[in-house]
Amino acid sequence: MKYLLTGGQEADITQAHALIEGLDPELVIADKGYDANHFVEAIEAKGAEPVIPPRSNRLTPREYDKHWYKDRNLVERFFNRIKQFRRIATRYEKLDKCFKAMIGLACTMIWLE
């Protein structure tokens, strides 16, 4: 299983450890906002490969798999398409199961386009 972190704000790194807790991923794909030594080490401790491009101010840039990182763009664009559905973007559904059903319906509509 691969795991993708999206975001882009500096504050996202504060919750990064909680996001991968309890998961057993092969890869963790994230943007530059998640490039921190402690987070990369936590990913590697789980036996996963971090696919996180290094920040421009890093003294020794790390290598990362650019092929896998390109797939992150597809996921970001898909999230953008789902958010075009007003019901999803504003979270009209109060129950988790109803919200999950609406996401499934939105995905089906996107797939049928």
N, C-alpha and C. Protein backbone atom coordinates (compact mmCIF):
# COMPACT_ATOMS: atom_id res chain seq x y z
N MET A 1 0.83 -1.16 0.00
CA MET A 1 0.00 0.00 0.00
C MET A 1 0.89 1.24 0.00
N LYS A 2 0.51 2.18 -0.80
CA LYS A 2 1.21 3.46 -0.83
C LYS A 2 0.39 4.44 -0.01
N TYR A 3 1.01 5.50 0.46
CA TYR A 3 0.32 6.47 1.27
C TYR A 3 0.74 7.84 0.79
N LEU A 4 -0.25 8.72 0.60
CA LEU A 4 0.02 10.05 0.06
C LEU A 4 -0.40 11.10 1.05
N LEU A 5 0.48 12.04 1.34
CA LEU A 5 0.15 13.17 2.18
C LEU A 5 0.06 14.39 1.29
N THR A 6 -1.02 15.12 1.41
CA THR A 6 -1.16 16.34 0.64
C THR A 6 -1.29 17.50 1.58
N GLY A 7 -1.10 18.66 1.08
CA GLY A 7 -1.21 19.83 1.93
C GLY A 7 -0.42 20.95 1.33
N GLY A 8 0.64 21.33 1.97
CA GLY A 8 1.48 22.38 1.44
C GLY A 8 1.73 23.49 2.45
N GLN A 9 1.05 23.47 3.57
CA GLN A 9 1.29 24.48 4.57
C GLN A 9 2.33 23.98 5.56
N GLU A 10 3.12 24.89 6.09
CA GLU A 10 4.17 24.49 7.02
C GLU A 10 3.61 23.79 8.25
N ALA A 11 2.42 24.17 8.66
CA ALA A 11 1.85 23.59 9.87
C ALA A 11 1.46 22.13 9.68
N ASP A 12 1.39 21.66 8.45
CA ASP A 12 1.02 20.27 8.20
C ASP A 12 2.01 19.29 8.83
N ILE A 13 3.25 19.67 8.92
CA ILE A 13 4.27 18.77 9.46
C ILE A 13 4.00 18.45 10.93
N THR A 14 3.29 19.31 11.63
CA THR A 14 3.02 19.06 13.05
C THR A 14 2.14 17.83 13.25
N GLN A 15 1.34 17.48 12.26
CA GLN A 15 0.44 16.33 12.37
C GLN A 15 0.91 15.14 11.52
N ALA A 16 2.06 15.25 10.91
CA ALA A 16 2.54 14.21 9.99
C ALA A 16 2.73 12.87 10.67
N HIS A 17 3.29 12.84 11.86
CA HIS A 17 3.51 11.58 12.56
C HIS A 17 2.18 10.88 12.87
N ALA A 18 1.18 11.66 13.24
CA ALA A 18 -0.14 11.09 13.54
C ALA A 18 -0.79 10.52 12.28
N LEU A 19 -0.50 11.11 11.13
CA LEU A 19 -1.10 10.63 9.88
C LEU A 19 -0.60 9.24 9.48
N ILE A 20 0.65 8.93 9.77
CA ILE A 20 1.18 7.62 9.37
C ILE A 20 1.13 6.61 10.50
N GLU A 21 0.71 7.04 11.67
CA GLU A 21 0.64 6.13 12.81
C GLU A 21 -0.39 5.03 12.55
N GLY A 22 0.00 3.80 12.81
CA GLY A 22 -0.90 2.67 12.62
C GLY A 22 -0.97 2.16 11.19
N LEU A 23 -0.21 2.76 10.28
CA LEU A 23 -0.18 2.32 8.89
C LEU A 23 1.11 1.55 8.62
N ASP A 24 1.05 0.71 7.60
CA ASP A 24 2.23 -0.04 7.19
C ASP A 24 2.45 0.19 5.68
N PRO A 25 2.85 1.41 5.30
CA PRO A 25 2.96 1.73 3.88
C PRO A 25 4.28 1.25 3.27
N GLU A 26 4.27 1.12 1.95
CA GLU A 26 5.50 0.85 1.21
C GLU A 26 6.20 2.15 0.87
N LEU A 27 5.39 3.16 0.52
CA LEU A 27 5.88 4.48 0.15
C LEU A 27 5.06 5.52 0.89
N VAL A 28 5.69 6.63 1.19
CA VAL A 28 4.97 7.80 1.68
C VAL A 28 5.34 8.93 0.74
N ILE A 29 4.35 9.39 -0.02
CA ILE A 29 4.57 10.44 -1.01
C ILE A 29 4.01 11.73 -0.43
N ALA A 30 4.84 12.77 -0.37
CA ALA A 30 4.41 14.04 0.19
C ALA A 30 5.15 15.18 -0.49
N ASP A 31 4.65 16.39 -0.28
CA ASP A 31 5.31 17.54 -0.88
C ASP A 31 6.43 18.06 0.03
N LYS A 32 7.06 19.14 -0.39
CA LYS A 32 8.23 19.67 0.32
C LYS A 32 7.91 20.11 1.74
N GLY A 33 6.64 20.39 2.02
CA GLY A 33 6.26 20.81 3.36
C GLY A 33 6.51 19.74 4.41
N TYR A 34 6.65 18.49 3.99
CA TYR A 34 6.89 17.39 4.90
C TYR A 34 8.36 16.98 4.96
N ASP A 35 9.23 17.76 4.36
CA ASP A 35 10.65 17.42 4.35
C ASP A 35 11.30 17.86 5.65
N ALA A 36 11.32 16.95 6.60
CA ALA A 36 11.99 17.19 7.88
C ALA A 36 12.69 15.90 8.27
N ASN A 37 13.88 16.03 8.81
CA ASN A 37 14.67 14.84 9.16
C ASN A 37 13.92 13.89 10.07
N HIS A 38 13.22 14.42 11.08
CA HIS A 38 12.52 13.54 12.03
C HIS A 38 11.39 12.78 11.35
N PHE A 39 10.74 13.39 10.38
CA PHE A 39 9.65 12.70 9.69
C PHE A 39 10.18 11.66 8.71
N VAL A 40 11.23 12.00 8.00
CA VAL A 40 11.85 11.05 7.06
C VAL A 40 12.37 9.83 7.83
N GLU A 41 12.98 10.07 8.99
CA GLU A 41 13.47 8.96 9.81
C GLU A 41 12.32 8.10 10.33
N ALA A 42 11.19 8.72 10.67
CA ALA A 42 10.02 7.96 11.14
C ALA A 42 9.47 7.08 10.01
N ILE A 43 9.48 7.59 8.79
CA ILE A 43 9.02 6.81 7.64
C ILE A 43 9.94 5.62 7.41
N GLU A 44 11.24 5.88 7.43
CA GLU A 44 12.21 4.81 7.21
C GLU A 44 12.16 3.78 8.34
N ALA A 45 11.84 4.20 9.56
CA ALA A 45 11.73 3.26 10.68
C ALA A 45 10.56 2.30 10.47
N LYS A 46 9.56 2.72 9.73
CA LYS A 46 8.42 1.86 9.41
C LYS A 46 8.74 0.91 8.26
N GLY A 47 9.91 1.07 7.66
CA GLY A 47 10.30 0.22 6.54
C GLY A 47 9.76 0.72 5.22
N ALA A 48 9.33 1.97 5.18
CA ALA A 48 8.78 2.56 3.97
C ALA A 48 9.81 3.48 3.31
N GLU A 49 9.56 3.77 2.07
CA GLU A 49 10.44 4.68 1.33
C GLU A 49 9.81 6.07 1.30
N PRO A 50 10.51 7.10 1.78
CA PRO A 50 9.96 8.45 1.69
C PRO A 50 10.17 9.01 0.28
N VAL A 51 9.10 9.46 -0.33
CA VAL A 51 9.17 10.11 -1.64
C VAL A 51 8.78 11.57 -1.41
N ILE A 52 9.75 12.31 -0.90
CA ILE A 52 9.54 13.70 -0.53
C ILE A 52 10.70 14.50 -1.12
N PRO A 53 10.41 15.45 -2.02
CA PRO A 53 11.51 16.23 -2.57
C PRO A 53 12.14 17.10 -1.48
N PRO A 54 13.44 17.29 -1.54
CA PRO A 54 14.11 18.10 -0.51
C PRO A 54 13.80 19.58 -0.70
N ARG A 55 13.76 20.29 0.41
CA ARG A 55 13.58 21.74 0.34
C ARG A 55 14.82 22.37 -0.30
N SER A 56 14.64 23.54 -0.85
CA SER A 56 15.75 24.19 -1.54
C SER A 56 16.85 24.65 -0.59
N ASN A 57 16.53 24.82 0.69
CA ASN A 57 17.55 25.29 1.63
C ASN A 57 18.30 24.15 2.33
N ARG A 58 18.08 22.91 1.92
CA ARG A 58 18.79 21.77 2.51
C ARG A 58 20.25 21.80 2.07
N LEU A 59 21.15 21.59 3.01
CA LEU A 59 22.58 21.62 2.67
C LEU A 59 22.97 20.39 1.85
N THR A 60 22.45 19.22 2.22
CA THR A 60 22.71 18.00 1.46
C THR A 60 21.37 17.43 1.00
N PRO A 61 20.99 17.72 -0.24
CA PRO A 61 19.69 17.23 -0.73
C PRO A 61 19.63 15.71 -0.75
N ARG A 62 18.48 15.18 -0.36
CA ARG A 62 18.25 13.73 -0.40
C ARG A 62 17.77 13.34 -1.79
N GLU A 63 17.99 12.10 -2.12
CA GLU A 63 17.45 11.56 -3.37
C GLU A 63 16.02 11.09 -3.11
N TYR A 64 15.17 11.19 -4.12
CA TYR A 64 13.81 10.67 -4.03
C TYR A 64 13.39 10.18 -5.40
N ASP A 65 12.42 9.32 -5.45
CA ASP A 65 11.96 8.71 -6.69
C ASP A 65 11.03 9.68 -7.43
N LYS A 66 11.54 10.33 -8.45
CA LYS A 66 10.76 11.33 -9.18
C LYS A 66 9.60 10.70 -9.94
N HIS A 67 9.74 9.45 -10.33
CA HIS A 67 8.65 8.75 -11.03
C HIS A 67 7.42 8.65 -10.13
N TRP A 68 7.62 8.22 -8.89
CA TRP A 68 6.49 8.11 -7.96
C TRP A 68 5.94 9.49 -7.61
N TYR A 69 6.81 10.47 -7.50
CA TYR A 69 6.35 11.81 -7.11
C TYR A 69 5.43 12.41 -8.17
N LYS A 70 5.64 12.05 -9.43
CA LYS A 70 4.76 12.55 -10.50
C LYS A 70 3.33 12.07 -10.30
N ASP A 71 3.14 10.89 -9.72
CA ASP A 71 1.79 10.38 -9.48
C ASP A 71 1.04 11.21 -8.45
N ARG A 72 1.75 11.92 -7.62
CA ARG A 72 1.11 12.78 -6.63
C ARG A 72 0.23 13.82 -7.31
N ASN A 73 0.65 14.30 -8.45
CA ASN A 73 -0.11 15.28 -9.21
C ASN A 73 -1.49 14.73 -9.60
N LEU A 74 -1.55 13.45 -9.98
CA LEU A 74 -2.83 12.85 -10.34
C LEU A 74 -3.80 12.85 -9.16
N VAL A 75 -3.29 12.55 -8.01
CA VAL A 75 -4.13 12.51 -6.81
C VAL A 75 -4.60 13.92 -6.45
N GLU A 76 -3.71 14.89 -6.52
CA GLU A 76 -4.08 16.27 -6.23
C GLU A 76 -5.17 16.76 -7.18
N ARG A 77 -5.04 16.43 -8.47
CA ARG A 77 -6.06 16.84 -9.43
C ARG A 77 -7.38 16.15 -9.17
N PHE A 78 -7.34 14.88 -8.73
CA PHE A 78 -8.56 14.17 -8.43
C PHE A 78 -9.28 14.80 -7.23
N PHE A 79 -8.52 15.16 -6.18
CA PHE A 79 -9.13 15.84 -5.04
C PHE A 79 -9.78 17.15 -5.49
N ASN A 80 -9.14 17.85 -6.39
CA ASN A 80 -9.70 19.09 -6.91
C ASN A 80 -11.02 18.83 -7.63
N ARG A 81 -11.08 17.77 -8.41
CA ARG A 81 -12.32 17.44 -9.13
C ARG A 81 -13.44 17.04 -8.18
N ILE A 82 -13.10 16.30 -7.13
CA ILE A 82 -14.12 15.92 -6.15
C ILE A 82 -14.68 17.16 -5.45
N LYS A 83 -13.83 18.13 -5.17
CA LYS A 83 -14.27 19.33 -4.47
C LYS A 83 -15.14 20.23 -5.33
N GLN A 84 -15.26 19.93 -6.61
CA GLN A 84 -16.18 20.67 -7.47
C GLN A 84 -17.63 20.34 -7.12
N PHE A 85 -17.84 19.21 -6.46
CA PHE A 85 -19.17 18.86 -6.00
C PHE A 85 -19.43 19.60 -4.69
N ARG A 86 -20.37 20.51 -4.72
CA ARG A 86 -20.61 21.39 -3.58
C ARG A 86 -20.91 20.61 -2.30
N ARG A 87 -21.63 19.53 -2.44
CA ARG A 87 -22.00 18.72 -1.27
C ARG A 87 -20.77 18.15 -0.57
N ILE A 88 -19.76 17.84 -1.35
CA ILE A 88 -18.53 17.28 -0.78
C ILE A 88 -17.68 18.41 -0.18
N ALA A 89 -17.54 19.50 -0.93
CA ALA A 89 -16.67 20.60 -0.49
C ALA A 89 -17.16 21.22 0.81
N THR A 90 -18.47 21.31 1.01
CA THR A 90 -18.99 21.95 2.22
C THR A 90 -19.40 20.95 3.29
N ARG A 91 -19.28 19.67 2.98
CA ARG A 91 -19.59 18.59 3.92
C ARG A 91 -21.00 18.73 4.48
N TYR A 92 -21.98 18.67 3.57
CA TYR A 92 -23.38 18.74 3.99
C TYR A 92 -23.78 17.54 4.84
N GLU A 93 -23.20 16.39 4.54
CA GLU A 93 -23.58 15.16 5.24
C GLU A 93 -23.02 15.18 6.66
N LYS A 94 -23.85 14.91 7.62
CA LYS A 94 -23.41 14.90 9.02
C LYS A 94 -22.81 13.56 9.43
N LEU A 95 -23.34 12.48 8.88
CA LEU A 95 -22.85 11.15 9.23
C LEU A 95 -21.70 10.74 8.31
N ASP A 96 -20.70 10.06 8.88
CA ASP A 96 -19.56 9.61 8.10
C ASP A 96 -19.98 8.68 6.97
N LYS A 97 -20.91 7.77 7.25
CA LYS A 97 -21.31 6.81 6.21
C LYS A 97 -22.02 7.51 5.05
N CYS A 98 -22.78 8.57 5.34
CA CYS A 98 -23.44 9.32 4.27
C CYS A 98 -22.42 10.11 3.44
N PHE A 99 -21.43 10.69 4.14
CA PHE A 99 -20.38 11.44 3.43
C PHE A 99 -19.57 10.49 2.55
N LYS A 100 -19.27 9.32 3.06
CA LYS A 100 -18.53 8.32 2.27
C LYS A 100 -19.34 7.90 1.05
N ALA A 101 -20.64 7.77 1.21
CA ALA A 101 -21.50 7.42 0.07
C ALA A 101 -21.50 8.53 -0.97
N MET A 102 -21.51 9.77 -0.53
CA MET A 102 -21.48 10.90 -1.48
C MET A 102 -20.15 10.96 -2.22
N ILE A 103 -19.07 10.64 -1.52
CA ILE A 103 -17.77 10.60 -2.20
C ILE A 103 -17.77 9.50 -3.25
N GLY A 104 -18.34 8.35 -2.90
CA GLY A 104 -18.45 7.26 -3.87
C GLY A 104 -19.28 7.66 -5.08
N LEU A 105 -20.36 8.39 -4.85
CA LEU A 105 -21.20 8.86 -5.96
C LEU A 105 -20.44 9.87 -6.82
N ALA A 106 -19.72 10.78 -6.19
CA ALA A 106 -18.92 11.76 -6.94
C ALA A 106 -17.85 11.06 -7.77
N CYS A 107 -17.20 10.07 -7.20
CA CYS A 107 -16.18 9.31 -7.93
C CYS A 107 -16.78 8.60 -9.13
N THR A 108 -17.96 8.05 -8.93
CA THR A 108 -18.65 7.36 -10.04
C THR A 108 -18.97 8.35 -11.15
N MET A 109 -19.44 9.52 -10.79
CA MET A 109 -19.79 10.52 -11.81
C MET A 109 -18.54 10.98 -12.57
N ILE A 110 -17.43 11.14 -11.85
CA ILE A 110 -16.18 11.52 -12.52
C ILE A 110 -15.73 10.41 -13.45
N TRP A 111 -15.84 9.17 -13.00
CA TRP A 111 -15.42 8.03 -13.80
C TRP A 111 -16.26 7.91 -15.08
N LEU A 112 -17.56 8.25 -15.00
CA LEU A 112 -18.44 8.14 -16.16
C LEU A 112 -18.26 9.28 -17.16
N GLU A 113 -17.60 10.36 -16.77
CA GLU A 113 -17.42 11.48 -17.70
C GLU A 113 -16.56 11.12 -18.86
